[in-house]
């Protein structure tokens, strides 16, 4: 897997604060950002165990589904996506034609198993997992979002020695794996700010399963209504950020995190700090989001 990356890019320097962004989205053309990190050791383990197939879980526009399909194809592994929404399987060609994420995963050779939302909620139950292992023998299971011990190990490699200069490390939070890795590899003087894409701070319990320290805060004010929810203000921020910095942001994760960082900056909450934002990728989701925005006659992400 490709793994080269540009150094941190400075976004803002003033008398009070410095803000940089780490371009993890540039790690790989298709397996970018935290997905590259999360899948690294999972796929190495699958190969070590001589598994033929990687089975994982996600929604119809999941970054993790797209990344897993691409990474498996690159490593010569078969892949299966357990996709939430059994109606999507009624007419697969129609679904693929209207869904760039699944179309890409399909082009990488991923096979799909569409399940109802009720069934999907049982994805972690012993009975459901046993049925998956029976249907796909000699398979290696990766959880939704990719978060497990192996994923956290990969995310611990995001921070480099040069990043010890920063006081605050900021990242978006989905399932908690990325922030856990950052916490584990952070220095004693650093604080990790996590910006959940979902409502509430219930992720703390998940993070504490993997995190070895408590030097983090969940900033729960910038979810914009919940997972995959956006508004005109967020879209305008993302477009302005790209225009000024030549850096695209995704609307589900990194865009909300960056919006939160700059709002906190305006409110004086980052004074006298040196801040590093982690760009965790997810840009493949922009095309699908723009399809939804167009149907609502909202501005598009450029």
Foldseek 3Di string as FASTA:
>chain_A
DAADFDAWAWDDDDPWETETEGFQQPRDVQCGFLSCLLVVQLVVVLVVLPFQEEEEEDELLDSNLRNVLQVCLVVNHEYEYAYEDQVCPPDVVVSLVQGVSVVNSVVSRYHYDYDYNVVVVCCPPPVNVVVVCVVRPSYRYAYVVSDDQSSLVSLLPSDDPVVLVFAEEEWEDEQQSNQQSCQQNHDPNHAYEYEYLAADDVSVVVSVVRHPDDRYDYDRPQNCHGAPHDDQVLLVQQQVSCVSPVDGADSRIQSSRVVVVVVCVVVVNQTNGYYYYYRRHSPSSQVSSQVVCVVVVGDGRD
